């Protein structure tokens, strides 16, 4: 942060403390955003489809570009699973290393997922009949090399050492990822762990080598409806940088990256990498657009 920006931030904080306005409050996080040069946009709760005029063409472009990658759109998002489960998301966590995982780390995984999911769903609360107000993240299973690696109290957990022969990866059960089933029936009859063994998605915490992506060196984290993939060390070292997980969970809901191109008129938003460290108004309207279009097609 530049010195001038820091001075501006200090002055803003001092002013806010000295002259509090009961009609309007601004969080310390939003002051940081302003000092970083990221435009701050209030995102008022929306109940009907009424995006700002300067976003309408951009939203249409995003939808069309997304369908070029996948023809249906439904197989790109976890929104259907979320609604189907009444707001519950059951996770399998894969831990394919020889390092132990502590009780504290397991708690941090749940807290991070819960916080990031809730921030995304908050923009849909009350919008066009969206039926949910909260998300309940439930890490119900772990897939590890050795059950002894899962340290601390394991009450309520099911710990697996199953390797899927189709890809050689640890799994919480063969054919048990519910996203691979028809959303109409959620049939888990093929699940190797039985009818109660299904989970909604897989959170893979691996040891990932640095790799160049779009001119930068990164751990190459990625996410989608079937799984989220992160480097173990990078994930725990960046728990305070919640925008990283927040961005990846945007992909789990169908929103794409914008590396080489971006919607006209939109400059700083979370799904445009390294341009914003929080959910912006445009991110919110992109998700509302997905919900509207999939709902109109009968996917909810």
Protein backbone atom coordinates (compact mmCIF):
# COMPACT_ATOMS: atom_id res chain seq x y z
CA UNK A 1 0.00 0.00 0.00
CA UNK A 2 1.41 3.41 -0.93
CA UNK A 3 2.27 5.96 1.80
CA UNK A 4 -0.31 8.41 0.47
CA UNK A 5 -2.96 5.70 0.52
CA UNK A 6 -1.99 4.73 4.04
CA UNK A 7 -2.29 8.35 5.20
CA UNK A 8 -5.68 8.60 3.56
CA UNK A 9 -6.74 5.40 5.30
CA UNK A 10 -5.57 6.67 8.70
CA UNK A 11 -7.42 9.91 8.18
CA UNK A 12 -10.57 8.08 7.16
CA UNK A 13 -10.45 5.83 10.19
CA UNK A 14 -9.85 8.77 12.50
CA UNK A 15 -12.73 10.66 10.97
CA UNK A 16 -15.05 7.72 11.21
CA UNK A 17 -14.20 7.26 14.87
CA UNK A 18 -14.39 10.94 15.71
CA UNK A 19 -17.64 11.64 13.88
CA UNK A 20 -19.69 8.47 13.74
CA UNK A 21 -22.78 8.70 11.57
CA UNK A 22 -25.60 6.52 12.88
CA UNK A 23 -27.28 6.61 9.47
CA UNK A 24 -24.30 5.17 7.61
CA UNK A 25 -21.43 3.02 8.73
CA UNK A 26 -18.43 1.78 6.78
CA UNK A 27 -16.42 -1.22 7.81
CA UNK A 28 -12.66 -1.24 8.27
CA UNK A 29 -12.46 -3.77 5.41
CA UNK A 30 -14.19 -1.30 3.08
CA UNK A 31 -11.76 1.44 4.11
CA UNK A 32 -8.92 -0.90 3.13
CA UNK A 33 -10.60 -1.53 -0.22
CA UNK A 34 -10.78 2.18 -0.92
CA UNK A 35 -7.16 2.72 0.08
CA UNK A 36 -6.14 -0.08 -2.29
CA UNK A 37 -7.85 1.74 -5.13
CA UNK A 38 -10.63 -0.82 -5.54
CA UNK A 39 -13.93 0.96 -6.20
CA UNK A 40 -16.38 0.40 -3.39
CA UNK A 41 -19.92 -0.38 -4.52
CA UNK A 42 -22.83 -0.85 -2.20
CA UNK A 43 -24.77 -3.90 -3.33
CA UNK A 44 -28.30 -3.31 -2.12
CA UNK A 45 -30.39 -6.39 -1.58
CA UNK A 46 -32.26 -7.17 -4.78
CA UNK A 47 -35.67 -8.84 -4.81
CA UNK A 48 -36.38 -8.60 -8.56
CA UNK A 49 -34.38 -8.64 -11.78
CA UNK A 50 -33.28 -5.03 -12.10
CA UNK A 51 -29.50 -4.80 -12.70
CA UNK A 52 -27.88 -1.41 -13.27
CA UNK A 53 -28.21 -0.40 -16.94
CA UNK A 54 -24.44 -0.39 -17.43
CA UNK A 55 -24.32 -4.11 -16.53
CA UNK A 56 -27.11 -5.50 -18.73
CA UNK A 57 -25.04 -6.05 -21.90
CA UNK A 58 -22.10 -7.37 -19.86
CA UNK A 59 -24.29 -9.92 -18.06
CA UNK A 60 -25.72 -11.16 -21.37
CA UNK A 61 -22.19 -11.51 -22.75
CA UNK A 62 -21.07 -13.51 -19.71
CA UNK A 63 -23.97 -15.96 -20.03
CA UNK A 64 -23.38 -16.52 -23.74
CA UNK A 65 -19.63 -16.97 -23.27
CA UNK A 66 -20.28 -19.47 -20.48
CA UNK A 67 -22.61 -21.56 -22.65
CA UNK A 68 -19.92 -21.73 -25.32
CA UNK A 69 -17.90 -23.76 -22.81
CA UNK A 70 -20.78 -25.96 -21.62
CA UNK A 71 -23.98 -26.37 -23.58
CA UNK A 72 -26.48 -26.65 -20.73
CA UNK A 73 -25.19 -24.45 -17.95
CA UNK A 74 -26.69 -26.75 -15.32
CA UNK A 75 -23.61 -28.94 -15.17
CA UNK A 76 -21.52 -25.89 -14.34
CA UNK A 77 -23.16 -24.91 -11.06
CA UNK A 78 -23.82 -26.29 -7.58
CA UNK A 79 -26.84 -24.05 -7.07
CA UNK A 80 -29.19 -26.91 -7.91
CA UNK A 81 -27.58 -29.20 -5.35
CA UNK A 82 -27.73 -26.45 -2.75
CA UNK A 83 -31.45 -25.85 -3.29
CA UNK A 84 -32.16 -29.59 -3.50
CA UNK A 85 -30.48 -30.10 -0.12
CA UNK A 86 -32.30 -27.18 1.56
CA UNK A 87 -29.04 -25.31 2.04
CA UNK A 88 -26.90 -28.21 3.21
CA UNK A 89 -23.63 -28.99 1.44
CA UNK A 90 -21.96 -32.26 2.38
CA UNK A 91 -18.23 -32.36 1.67
CA UNK A 92 -15.69 -35.10 1.31
CA UNK A 93 -12.19 -33.80 2.08
CA UNK A 94 -9.33 -35.59 0.32
CA UNK A 95 -5.95 -35.40 2.05
CA UNK A 96 -3.57 -37.39 -0.20
CA UNK A 97 -0.28 -36.76 1.63
CA UNK A 98 1.69 -38.33 4.46
CA UNK A 99 1.28 -35.23 6.66
CA UNK A 100 -1.17 -35.47 9.58
CA UNK A 101 -4.19 -33.18 9.66
CA UNK A 102 -4.99 -31.68 13.05
CA UNK A 103 -8.35 -30.98 14.65
CA UNK A 104 -7.59 -27.25 14.36
CA UNK A 105 -6.95 -27.53 10.63
CA UNK A 106 -10.16 -29.48 10.14
CA UNK A 107 -12.07 -26.74 11.98
CA UNK A 108 -10.44 -24.08 9.80
CA UNK A 109 -11.55 -25.89 6.64
CA UNK A 110 -15.18 -25.88 7.77
CA UNK A 111 -15.05 -22.24 8.88
CA UNK A 112 -13.50 -21.07 5.60
CA UNK A 113 -15.98 -22.97 3.43
CA UNK A 114 -18.92 -21.85 5.54
CA UNK A 115 -17.94 -18.17 5.41
CA UNK A 116 -17.26 -18.08 1.68
CA UNK A 117 -20.41 -19.96 0.71
CA UNK A 118 -22.56 -17.74 2.91
CA UNK A 119 -21.16 -14.58 1.33
CA UNK A 120 -22.15 -15.82 -2.12
CA UNK A 121 -25.61 -16.98 -1.06
CA UNK A 122 -26.29 -13.71 0.76
CA UNK A 123 -26.64 -11.96 -2.61
CA UNK A 124 -29.48 -14.35 -3.55
CA UNK A 125 -31.44 -14.11 -0.29
CA UNK A 126 -34.90 -12.74 -1.07
CA UNK A 127 -34.20 -12.56 -4.80
CA UNK A 128 -36.93 -13.81 -7.17
CA UNK A 129 -38.14 -16.51 -4.82
CA UNK A 130 -34.73 -17.95 -3.93
CA UNK A 131 -35.72 -20.35 -1.16
CA UNK A 132 -32.66 -20.21 1.10
CA UNK A 133 -31.22 -17.77 3.63
CA UNK A 134 -28.29 -19.76 4.96
CA UNK A 135 -25.80 -22.43 3.96
CA UNK A 136 -24.81 -25.27 6.27
CA UNK A 137 -21.44 -26.75 5.32
CA UNK A 138 -20.99 -30.26 6.65
CA UNK A 139 -17.61 -32.00 6.27
CA UNK A 140 -18.84 -35.53 6.80
CA UNK A 141 -16.02 -37.62 5.32
CA UNK A 142 -12.25 -37.65 4.95
CA UNK A 143 -10.25 -39.64 2.41
CA UNK A 144 -6.66 -40.26 3.58
CA UNK A 145 -3.78 -42.67 3.06
CA UNK A 146 -3.90 -43.79 6.67
CA UNK A 147 -6.71 -43.22 9.16
CA UNK A 148 -4.13 -42.37 11.84
CA UNK A 149 -3.34 -39.15 9.93
CA UNK A 150 -6.63 -37.63 11.09
CA UNK A 151 -5.75 -36.32 14.54
CA UNK A 152 -7.96 -35.21 17.43
CA UNK A 153 -11.62 -35.95 18.05
CA UNK A 154 -13.13 -37.69 15.03
CA UNK A 155 -16.65 -38.10 16.41
CA UNK A 156 -19.16 -37.92 13.59
CA UNK A 157 -16.57 -38.36 10.84
CA UNK A 158 -16.30 -41.25 8.44
CA UNK A 159 -12.68 -41.78 7.43
CA UNK A 160 -11.93 -43.61 4.18
CA UNK A 161 -8.78 -45.03 2.61
CA UNK A 162 -10.45 -45.87 -0.70
CA UNK A 163 -8.60 -45.33 -3.99
CA UNK A 164 -10.71 -44.88 -7.10
CA UNK A 165 -9.27 -47.25 -9.74
CA UNK A 166 -10.47 -45.00 -12.56
CA UNK A 167 -8.09 -42.15 -11.65
CA UNK A 168 -5.92 -43.43 -8.77
CA UNK A 169 -7.17 -40.69 -6.43
CA UNK A 170 -8.33 -41.05 -2.85
CA UNK A 171 -12.11 -40.91 -2.57
CA UNK A 172 -14.84 -41.12 0.02
CA UNK A 173 -16.56 -43.78 -2.05
CA UNK A 174 -16.76 -44.99 -5.64
CA UNK A 175 -19.63 -43.24 -7.48
CA UNK A 176 -20.65 -41.38 -4.32
CA UNK A 177 -20.24 -37.80 -5.55
CA UNK A 178 -23.88 -36.73 -5.84
CA UNK A 179 -23.11 -34.13 -8.46
CA UNK A 180 -22.59 -36.97 -10.89
CA UNK A 181 -26.19 -38.11 -10.52
CA UNK A 182 -29.42 -36.89 -12.03
CA UNK A 183 -30.68 -33.90 -10.02
CA UNK A 184 -34.22 -35.26 -10.38
CA UNK A 185 -33.69 -38.29 -8.19
CA UNK A 186 -30.27 -38.05 -6.51
CA UNK A 187 -30.01 -41.82 -6.82
CA UNK A 188 -27.03 -43.09 -4.85
CA UNK A 189 -27.72 -46.77 -5.38
CA UNK A 190 -24.34 -47.17 -7.09
CA UNK A 191 -22.41 -45.59 -4.23
CA UNK A 192 -19.93 -48.09 -2.79
CA UNK A 193 -20.60 -46.77 0.70
CA UNK A 194 -24.35 -47.36 0.51
CA UNK A 195 -27.31 -45.02 0.25
CA UNK A 196 -26.13 -42.85 3.15
CA UNK A 197 -22.64 -42.48 1.73
CA UNK A 198 -23.26 -39.80 -0.87
CA UNK A 199 -21.61 -36.38 -0.68
CA UNK A 200 -22.12 -33.23 -2.75
CA UNK A 201 -18.57 -32.37 -3.71
CA UNK A 202 -14.93 -33.08 -2.98
CA UNK A 203 -12.44 -30.68 -1.38
CA UNK A 204 -8.94 -31.81 -2.36
CA UNK A 205 -6.06 -30.48 -0.30
CA UNK A 206 -2.95 -31.67 -2.09
CA UNK A 207 0.72 -30.76 -2.45
CA UNK A 208 0.77 -28.83 -5.72
CA UNK A 209 3.93 -27.66 -7.47
CA UNK A 210 4.24 -24.04 -8.57
CA UNK A 211 3.09 -23.54 -12.14
CA UNK A 212 2.93 -20.57 -14.52
CA UNK A 213 -0.57 -19.38 -15.33
CA UNK A 214 -1.14 -16.26 -17.41
CA UNK A 215 2.31 -14.90 -16.73
CA UNK A 216 2.27 -15.48 -12.98
CA UNK A 217 3.56 -18.32 -10.81
CA UNK A 218 0.75 -19.89 -8.82
CA UNK A 219 -0.19 -23.04 -6.96
CA UNK A 220 -2.89 -23.58 -9.55
CA UNK A 221 -5.87 -23.91 -7.23
CA UNK A 222 -9.11 -24.60 -9.03
CA UNK A 223 -12.73 -25.32 -8.30
CA UNK A 224 -15.92 -26.53 -9.90
CA UNK A 225 -19.03 -28.43 -8.90
CA UNK A 226 -17.32 -31.84 -8.83
CA UNK A 227 -14.32 -30.81 -6.73
CA UNK A 228 -12.29 -27.92 -5.34
CA UNK A 229 -8.50 -28.33 -5.48
CA UNK A 230 -6.00 -26.41 -3.33
CA UNK A 231 -2.41 -26.77 -2.20
CA UNK A 232 -2.39 -27.65 1.50
CA UNK A 233 0.22 -25.15 2.63
CA UNK A 234 -1.11 -22.37 0.40
CA UNK A 235 -4.65 -22.86 1.69
CA UNK A 236 -3.79 -22.65 5.39
CA UNK A 237 -1.27 -19.82 4.89
CA UNK A 238 -3.94 -17.73 3.15
CA UNK A 239 -6.96 -18.24 5.38
CA UNK A 240 -7.02 -14.50 6.06
CA UNK A 241 -7.05 -13.83 2.33
CA UNK A 242 -10.58 -15.11 2.00
CA UNK A 243 -10.96 -13.72 -1.51
CA UNK A 244 -8.94 -16.67 -2.87
CA UNK A 245 -11.47 -19.27 -1.73
CA UNK A 246 -14.32 -16.87 -2.47
CA UNK A 247 -13.13 -16.58 -6.08
CA UNK A 248 -12.82 -20.35 -6.50
CA UNK A 249 -16.29 -20.98 -5.08
CA UNK A 250 -17.57 -18.58 -7.72
CA UNK A 251 -16.50 -21.24 -10.22
CA UNK A 252 -18.42 -23.86 -8.24
CA UNK A 253 -21.54 -21.82 -8.92
CA UNK A 254 -20.86 -21.51 -12.63
CA UNK A 255 -19.01 -18.22 -12.89
CA UNK A 256 -15.97 -18.23 -15.16
CA UNK A 257 -12.56 -16.56 -15.06
CA UNK A 258 -11.82 -13.52 -17.18
CA UNK A 259 -8.13 -13.63 -18.00
CA UNK A 260 -7.82 -12.57 -21.63
CA UNK A 261 -11.14 -10.78 -21.95
CA UNK A 262 -13.70 -9.25 -19.68
CA UNK A 263 -17.25 -7.89 -19.98
CA UNK A 264 -17.42 -4.43 -21.47
CA UNK A 265 -17.49 -1.67 -18.89
CA UNK A 266 -16.60 -3.90 -15.94
CA UNK A 267 -13.17 -3.27 -14.42
CA UNK A 268 -12.89 -4.48 -10.83
CA UNK A 269 -14.78 -7.58 -9.76
CA UNK A 270 -13.89 -10.78 -7.92
CA UNK A 271 -14.10 -13.16 -10.88
CA UNK A 272 -11.65 -10.98 -12.83
CA UNK A 273 -8.46 -12.26 -11.14
CA UNK A 274 -6.45 -9.85 -8.99
CA UNK A 275 -8.79 -6.92 -9.58
CA UNK A 276 -10.90 -7.15 -6.41
CA UNK A 277 -10.59 -8.91 -3.07
CA UNK A 278 -14.29 -8.98 -2.23
CA UNK A 279 -17.65 -9.65 -3.81
CA UNK A 280 -18.70 -6.69 -5.93
CA UNK A 281 -22.03 -5.59 -7.35
CA UNK A 282 -21.18 -7.15 -10.72
CA UNK A 283 -20.30 -10.51 -9.12
CA UNK A 284 -23.66 -10.43 -7.34
CA UNK A 285 -25.60 -9.73 -10.52
CA UNK A 286 -23.72 -12.44 -12.42
CA UNK A 287 -24.85 -15.00 -9.84
CA UNK A 288 -28.42 -13.64 -9.86
CA UNK A 289 -28.40 -13.91 -13.66
CA UNK A 290 -27.38 -17.58 -13.46
CA UNK A 291 -30.12 -18.27 -10.94
CA UNK A 292 -32.76 -16.47 -13.04
CA UNK A 293 -31.88 -18.23 -16.28
CA UNK A 294 -31.61 -21.71 -14.76
CA UNK A 295 -34.84 -21.17 -12.85
CA UNK A 296 -36.63 -20.09 -16.04
CA UNK A 297 -35.48 -23.29 -17.70
CA UNK A 298 -36.91 -25.38 -14.87
CA UNK A 299 -33.62 -26.42 -13.30
CA UNK A 300 -34.81 -25.46 -9.81
